[in-house]
C-alpha cells in the first residue's frame, strides 16, 4: 500500500505582521533585507516569521516541515544572489508571471557559503518533526543566472551543481531534500544538455543522506528530458497535475518513474482552496490513471511553491494538504471553497 506523505515545495509568503515590521524598519532598502548580512532587528523579524510558519505546518500536521525560505525575495535565484562571487544587477521577470528577481551575475568561482544550511540549523531548533530541505535544482539555478566567469554553458552548469552539492553537504540532518526544477519544463535542455542536466541533479542528490525529490512544475517534462532525469540517482520525481494532466500521466505510463512520486495536486497560485476530500480524490485519479505503477510513497503537495498566495490562503492550503492524506476520496466532488 502506498504511503502518503503531506508536504509542500516551500517558498512561503511572509506573514503579514513580518511584512509590516520590515517596512517599518527605517533606512532599510530591499537589498539589505536579503543579502545575508541583515542587522539584528531584521534577523529578529525573520526568526519570528520562521517560528510562525513552522507552527502553521506542525499544527496542521504536515509530515515534512520546511524552513519556509522567507528571506528568498529572489525566489529560486536566492542562493546565488547572496553569494560573494555574484553581483546582483537589474530586475528580471521570474518565468512568465508578474514576479521579478535580481539578475545574479557570477563573476568568480562559486564556493560554499552555507546560507541555506544556516537557515536549516535555525529550523532544527524549532521542531522535532521530520525536516525537509529545499533548494533550486542546478539546471533551473543556472538558467536563472548570468555567467561572466566560467565562459562555457556545460562548465557553468557543472559549477552550479558543485556549488549546490557543497551547500547540501553542509546541511544538518534532514529527512528529505526537494530540488525545484521548473526550468526543465519552461526552457527544456536539448539533446546532449538534457543528459548534463540529469548529471547535475545527480551530483546534488549524491551530497545528502536523505530522500531526494526533483520537482519540475508549470507543465510536463519533454519525453527525452523525463527519460534522462530518471537516470539520476533520486528517490522521486514530481508531476504538476494542476497544470498538465494527460502528458504527465503519459510520461509515467510510457517511461515509468521512481519507486516514489511527488504529486502536485493543489494549486499553488490560485486562491481557491481545495477541500481535503477533493485532493484525496485526485490521488485516486492518479492511481487509476497509472495502473502499471506501484508507488512505495506518494508525496501529496502543491504543484508550485506557495509564495504567490495571500498568507491566510497559504495557511488554508497547508491544512488541506495535511488533511488530504487522511481524507476519504469523494470521486464526484469538485474543488470547493473552504474557510481560510
Protein backbone atom coordinates (compact mmCIF):
# COMPACT_ATOMS: atom_id res chain seq x y z
CA UNK A 1 0.00 0.00 0.00
CA UNK A 2 1.34 3.41 -0.95
CA UNK A 3 2.46 5.60 1.94
CA UNK A 4 1.03 9.11 1.58
CA UNK A 5 3.21 11.97 2.83
CA UNK A 6 1.83 15.50 3.09
CA UNK A 7 4.35 18.24 2.35
CA UNK A 8 4.98 21.42 0.37
CA UNK A 9 7.68 22.67 -2.02
CA UNK A 10 8.47 25.53 0.41
CA UNK A 11 8.98 29.20 -0.52
CA UNK A 12 6.22 30.61 1.65
CA UNK A 13 4.72 34.11 1.71
CA UNK A 14 5.82 36.34 4.58
CA UNK A 15 3.32 36.63 7.43
CA UNK A 16 1.52 39.96 7.27
CA UNK A 17 2.97 41.20 10.56
CA UNK A 18 6.51 40.44 9.34
CA UNK A 19 5.88 42.45 6.17
CA UNK A 20 4.72 45.37 8.29
CA UNK A 21 7.71 45.09 10.64
CA UNK A 22 10.18 45.04 7.77
CA UNK A 23 8.60 48.04 6.07
CA UNK A 24 8.74 49.93 9.37
CA UNK A 25 12.47 49.43 9.84
CA UNK A 26 13.95 52.82 8.97
CA UNK A 27 16.74 53.09 6.41
CA UNK A 28 16.45 49.54 5.04
CA UNK A 29 16.39 49.02 1.31
CA UNK A 30 15.03 45.74 -0.07
CA UNK A 31 18.52 44.55 -0.95
CA UNK A 32 19.63 44.96 2.66
CA UNK A 33 16.96 42.54 3.82
CA UNK A 34 18.15 39.61 1.72
CA UNK A 35 21.90 39.95 1.32
CA UNK A 36 22.84 37.53 4.09
CA UNK A 37 24.19 40.29 6.36
CA UNK A 38 20.97 41.62 7.85
CA UNK A 39 21.06 43.65 11.03
CA UNK A 40 19.80 42.26 14.33
CA UNK A 41 16.35 43.84 14.02
CA UNK A 42 15.80 42.33 10.60
CA UNK A 43 17.09 38.93 11.72
CA UNK A 44 14.66 39.04 14.65
CA UNK A 45 11.75 39.65 12.28
CA UNK A 46 12.73 36.66 10.14
CA UNK A 47 13.26 34.50 13.24
CA UNK A 48 9.73 35.26 14.45
CA UNK A 49 8.30 34.66 10.99
CA UNK A 50 10.14 31.33 10.74
CA UNK A 51 8.64 30.21 14.05
CA UNK A 52 5.21 31.23 12.81
CA UNK A 53 5.33 29.24 9.56
CA UNK A 54 6.76 26.23 11.40
CA UNK A 55 3.81 26.40 13.81
CA UNK A 56 1.42 26.54 10.84
CA UNK A 57 2.90 23.32 9.47
CA UNK A 58 3.11 21.41 12.75
CA UNK A 59 -0.37 22.43 13.90
CA UNK A 60 -1.81 21.38 10.54
CA UNK A 61 0.01 18.05 10.75
CA UNK A 62 2.26 18.07 7.68
CA UNK A 63 4.55 15.04 7.52
CA UNK A 64 7.58 17.16 6.50
CA UNK A 65 8.40 20.63 7.81
CA UNK A 66 10.27 23.20 5.71
CA UNK A 67 12.01 26.38 6.83
CA UNK A 68 9.79 28.48 4.59
CA UNK A 69 12.52 30.32 2.65
CA UNK A 70 11.05 33.64 3.82
CA UNK A 71 14.27 35.53 3.03
CA UNK A 72 14.20 34.34 -0.59
CA UNK A 73 12.85 37.53 -2.18
CA UNK A 74 14.76 36.50 -5.32
CA UNK A 75 12.96 33.16 -5.13
CA UNK A 76 14.95 30.28 -6.64
CA UNK A 77 17.80 32.63 -7.51
CA UNK A 78 18.41 33.38 -3.81
CA UNK A 79 21.37 31.03 -3.15
CA UNK A 80 23.31 32.95 -5.81
CA UNK A 81 22.11 36.48 -5.07
CA UNK A 82 23.58 36.30 -1.54
CA UNK A 83 26.90 34.80 -2.69
CA UNK A 84 30.15 36.81 -2.55
CA UNK A 85 31.13 35.70 -6.07
CA UNK A 86 27.92 37.09 -7.54
CA UNK A 87 26.87 40.61 -8.49
CA UNK A 88 23.15 41.39 -8.49
CA UNK A 89 22.07 43.68 -11.31
CA UNK A 90 18.78 44.65 -12.94
CA UNK A 91 15.39 43.10 -12.29
CA UNK A 92 14.39 40.16 -14.48
CA UNK A 93 10.91 38.70 -14.93
CA UNK A 94 10.61 35.46 -12.98
CA UNK A 95 9.40 32.94 -15.54
CA UNK A 96 6.10 34.01 -17.13
CA UNK A 97 4.42 35.90 -14.30
CA UNK A 98 4.42 39.24 -12.51
CA UNK A 99 7.23 38.39 -10.10
CA UNK A 100 10.75 39.71 -10.58
CA UNK A 101 14.18 38.80 -9.21
CA UNK A 102 17.58 40.47 -9.26
CA UNK A 103 19.80 39.10 -12.00
CA UNK A 104 22.63 37.09 -10.34
CA UNK A 105 25.78 37.58 -12.40
CA UNK A 106 28.51 35.08 -11.50
CA UNK A 107 31.89 36.81 -11.62
CA UNK A 108 34.14 34.41 -9.69
CA UNK A 109 34.41 30.81 -8.50
CA UNK A 110 31.31 29.54 -6.71
CA UNK A 111 32.40 28.16 -3.37
CA UNK A 112 30.24 27.06 -0.46
CA UNK A 113 28.86 29.85 1.74
CA UNK A 114 26.43 27.95 3.99
CA UNK A 115 23.50 30.37 3.74
CA UNK A 116 20.83 27.69 3.33
CA UNK A 117 22.48 25.43 5.91
CA UNK A 118 22.25 28.26 8.46
CA UNK A 119 18.52 28.54 7.82
CA UNK A 120 18.11 24.81 8.35
CA UNK A 121 20.11 24.94 11.58
CA UNK A 122 17.66 27.55 12.83
CA UNK A 123 14.75 25.35 11.74
CA UNK A 124 16.11 22.27 13.52
CA UNK A 125 15.79 24.04 16.86
CA UNK A 126 12.08 24.76 16.38
CA UNK A 127 10.55 21.32 15.83
CA UNK A 128 11.11 17.61 16.35
CA UNK A 129 9.15 16.75 13.20
CA UNK A 130 10.98 15.38 10.14
CA UNK A 131 12.69 18.20 8.25
CA UNK A 132 12.64 18.87 4.54
CA UNK A 133 15.30 20.99 2.86
CA UNK A 134 14.54 22.99 -0.29
CA UNK A 135 16.99 24.05 -2.99
CA UNK A 136 16.71 25.19 -6.58
CA UNK A 137 17.69 22.43 -8.93
CA UNK A 138 21.03 23.02 -10.67
CA UNK A 139 19.54 23.39 -14.15
CA UNK A 140 16.99 25.98 -13.01
CA UNK A 141 19.52 27.93 -10.95
CA UNK A 142 21.96 28.03 -13.86
CA UNK A 143 19.15 29.11 -16.19
CA UNK A 144 18.19 31.98 -13.88
CA UNK A 145 21.77 33.24 -13.61
CA UNK A 146 24.18 35.06 -15.91
CA UNK A 147 27.69 33.64 -16.29
CA UNK A 148 30.58 36.07 -16.67
CA UNK A 149 33.25 33.79 -15.22
CA UNK A 150 33.18 30.19 -16.48
CA UNK A 151 32.54 31.01 -20.13
CA UNK A 152 31.07 27.67 -21.13
CA UNK A 153 27.49 26.53 -20.65
CA UNK A 154 28.37 22.96 -19.66
CA UNK A 155 31.13 24.10 -17.31
CA UNK A 156 28.82 26.65 -15.71
CA UNK A 157 26.09 24.06 -15.08
CA UNK A 158 28.68 21.73 -13.54
CA UNK A 159 29.93 24.59 -11.32
CA UNK A 160 26.40 25.40 -10.16
CA UNK A 161 25.80 21.73 -9.40
CA UNK A 162 29.05 21.55 -7.44
CA UNK A 163 28.07 24.69 -5.52
CA UNK A 164 24.65 23.27 -4.62
CA UNK A 165 26.21 19.94 -3.66
CA UNK A 166 28.50 21.79 -1.29
CA UNK A 167 25.57 23.68 0.19
CA UNK A 168 23.60 20.45 0.63
CA UNK A 169 26.60 18.70 2.15
CA UNK A 170 26.65 21.33 4.91
CA UNK A 171 23.02 20.70 5.91
CA UNK A 172 22.08 19.39 9.34
CA UNK A 173 20.21 16.08 9.30
CA UNK A 174 17.13 16.25 7.09
CA UNK A 175 14.65 13.59 6.07
CA UNK A 176 14.04 14.88 2.55
CA UNK A 177 15.61 17.26 0.04
CA UNK A 178 13.44 18.85 -2.65
CA UNK A 179 15.14 20.20 -5.75
CA UNK A 180 12.84 22.61 -7.58
CA UNK A 181 13.37 22.41 -11.34
CA UNK A 182 10.74 24.44 -13.24
CA UNK A 183 13.22 25.37 -15.98
CA UNK A 184 13.31 21.74 -17.11
CA UNK A 185 9.72 22.38 -18.24
CA UNK A 186 9.78 26.05 -19.30
CA UNK A 187 13.19 26.01 -21.02
CA UNK A 188 13.95 22.34 -21.66
CA UNK A 189 17.52 21.34 -22.49
CA UNK A 190 18.12 19.91 -25.92
CA UNK A 191 19.88 16.74 -26.95
CA UNK A 192 23.15 16.49 -25.02
CA UNK A 193 22.35 19.21 -22.45
CA UNK A 194 19.46 17.05 -21.19
CA UNK A 195 21.94 14.37 -20.14
CA UNK A 196 24.14 17.03 -18.50
CA UNK A 197 21.11 18.37 -16.61
CA UNK A 198 20.47 14.88 -15.26
CA UNK A 199 24.12 14.52 -14.24
CA UNK A 200 23.94 17.87 -12.43
CA UNK A 201 20.88 16.74 -10.48
CA UNK A 202 22.67 13.51 -9.67
CA UNK A 203 25.66 15.44 -8.29
CA UNK A 204 23.48 17.40 -5.87
CA UNK A 205 21.42 14.38 -4.86
CA UNK A 206 24.57 12.45 -4.01
CA UNK A 207 25.64 15.08 -1.47
CA UNK A 208 22.96 14.26 1.11
CA UNK A 209 21.93 11.22 3.11
CA UNK A 210 18.24 11.91 2.59
CA UNK A 211 15.40 11.09 0.23
CA UNK A 212 15.71 13.37 -2.81
CA UNK A 213 12.71 14.63 -4.78
CA UNK A 214 13.14 16.52 -8.08
CA UNK A 215 10.06 18.65 -8.64
CA UNK A 216 9.50 20.29 -12.04
CA UNK A 217 6.35 22.36 -12.48
CA UNK A 218 4.37 24.64 -14.81
CA UNK A 219 3.68 21.77 -17.16
CA UNK A 220 5.08 18.38 -18.10
CA UNK A 221 8.62 17.39 -18.99
CA UNK A 222 9.55 16.62 -22.57
CA UNK A 223 9.78 12.89 -23.07
CA UNK A 224 13.56 12.82 -23.51
CA UNK A 225 14.14 15.17 -20.56
CA UNK A 226 11.93 12.95 -18.41
CA UNK A 227 13.76 9.83 -19.52
CA UNK A 228 17.17 11.36 -18.78
CA UNK A 229 16.00 12.67 -15.39
CA UNK A 230 15.16 9.13 -14.37
CA UNK A 231 18.85 8.28 -14.88
CA UNK A 232 19.71 10.49 -11.88
CA UNK A 233 20.01 8.76 -8.53
CA UNK A 234 16.94 10.37 -6.97
CA UNK A 235 14.11 8.86 -4.97
CA UNK A 236 11.17 10.63 -6.59
CA UNK A 237 10.19 12.88 -9.48
CA UNK A 238 7.39 15.41 -9.10
CA UNK A 239 4.50 15.87 -11.53
CA UNK A 240 2.39 19.02 -11.86
CA UNK A 241 -1.11 17.61 -12.24
CA UNK A 242 -2.68 21.04 -11.79
CA UNK A 243 -1.16 22.48 -14.98
CA UNK A 244 -0.90 19.36 -17.14
CA UNK A 245 -2.81 16.13 -16.56
CA UNK A 246 -2.51 13.89 -19.57
CA UNK A 247 1.13 14.49 -20.54
CA UNK A 248 2.28 13.71 -17.01
CA UNK A 249 0.25 10.51 -16.95
CA UNK A 250 1.74 9.64 -20.33
CA UNK A 251 5.30 10.13 -19.10
CA UNK A 252 4.71 7.86 -16.11
CA UNK A 253 2.93 5.17 -18.10
CA UNK A 254 5.27 5.26 -21.10
CA UNK A 255 8.65 5.67 -19.39
CA UNK A 256 7.99 4.69 -15.80
CA UNK A 257 9.17 6.70 -12.83
CA UNK A 258 10.90 6.21 -9.50
CA UNK A 259 9.56 3.97 -6.74
CA UNK A 260 8.33 7.14 -5.01
CA UNK A 261 6.47 10.02 -6.63
CA UNK A 262 5.52 13.61 -5.81
CA UNK A 263 2.00 14.57 -6.84
CA UNK A 264 1.37 18.28 -7.40
CA UNK A 265 -2.37 18.23 -6.80
CA UNK A 266 -3.07 21.54 -5.02
CA UNK A 267 -2.87 24.79 -6.98
CA UNK A 268 -0.03 26.85 -5.53
CA UNK A 269 -1.08 30.04 -7.35
CA UNK A 270 -4.88 30.05 -7.13
CA UNK A 271 -6.61 31.43 -4.04
CA UNK A 272 -9.40 28.88 -4.37
CA UNK A 273 -8.78 26.44 -1.51
CA UNK A 274 -9.38 22.81 -2.33
CA UNK A 275 -11.16 20.55 0.15
CA UNK A 276 -9.05 17.67 1.57
CA UNK A 277 -11.51 15.14 0.12
CA UNK A 278 -11.08 16.69 -3.32
CA UNK A 279 -7.31 16.24 -3.10
CA UNK A 280 -7.77 12.66 -1.88
CA UNK A 281 -9.91 12.07 -4.96
CA UNK A 282 -7.11 13.43 -7.15
CA UNK A 283 -4.68 10.98 -5.55
CA UNK A 284 -7.05 8.18 -6.53
CA UNK A 285 -7.33 9.61 -10.05
CA UNK A 286 -3.54 9.38 -10.45
CA UNK A 287 -3.53 5.82 -9.09
CA UNK A 288 -6.25 4.77 -11.50
CA UNK A 289 -4.51 6.53 -14.37
CA UNK A 290 -1.17 4.75 -13.78
CA UNK A 291 -2.20 1.10 -13.49
CA UNK A 292 1.32 -0.17 -14.11
CA UNK A 293 2.85 1.87 -11.31
CA UNK A 294 3.08 0.66 -7.74
CA UNK A 295 4.41 3.59 -5.75
CA UNK A 296 6.03 2.92 -2.41
CA UNK A 297 5.45 6.53 -1.32
CA UNK A 298 3.49 9.43 -2.77
CA UNK A 299 4.24 12.96 -1.60
CA UNK A 300 0.96 14.90 -1.71
CA UNK A 301 1.85 18.51 -2.38
CA UNK A 302 1.10 21.72 -4.26
CA UNK A 303 2.20 21.99 -7.85
CA UNK A 304 4.26 25.16 -7.21
CA UNK A 305 5.68 26.89 -4.15
CA UNK A 306 3.11 28.87 -2.17
CA UNK A 307 4.66 32.36 -2.08
CA UNK A 308 2.18 33.54 -4.71
CA UNK A 309 -0.70 33.33 -2.20
CA UNK A 310 -2.02 35.69 0.46
CA UNK A 311 -0.88 34.47 3.85
CA UNK A 312 -4.29 33.25 5.01
CA UNK A 313 -4.69 31.23 1.81
CA UNK A 314 -1.25 29.73 2.29
CA UNK A 315 -2.33 28.59 5.77
CA UNK A 316 -5.50 27.07 4.35
CA UNK A 317 -3.64 25.21 1.60
CA UNK A 318 -1.29 23.72 4.21
CA UNK A 319 -4.29 22.48 6.19
CA UNK A 320 -5.75 21.00 3.02
CA UNK A 321 -2.58 19.05 2.24
CA UNK A 322 -2.31 17.73 5.78
CA UNK A 323 -5.95 16.67 5.78
CA UNK A 324 -5.86 15.10 2.33
CA UNK A 325 -3.69 12.13 3.32
CA UNK A 326 -6.33 11.00 5.86
CA UNK A 327 -9.45 12.04 3.95
CA UNK A 328 -11.77 9.64 2.19
CA UNK A 329 -11.88 10.36 -1.54
CA UNK A 330 -15.17 11.53 -3.00
CA UNK A 331 -14.98 10.74 -6.73
CA UNK A 332 -17.77 13.10 -7.79
CA UNK A 333 -16.60 16.03 -5.66
CA UNK A 334 -15.30 19.23 -7.21
CA UNK A 335 -12.80 21.67 -5.72
CA UNK A 336 -14.68 23.84 -3.28
CA UNK A 337 -14.08 26.96 -1.25
CA UNK A 338 -13.29 26.23 2.39
CA UNK A 339 -12.74 28.56 5.32
CA UNK A 340 -9.36 30.24 5.29
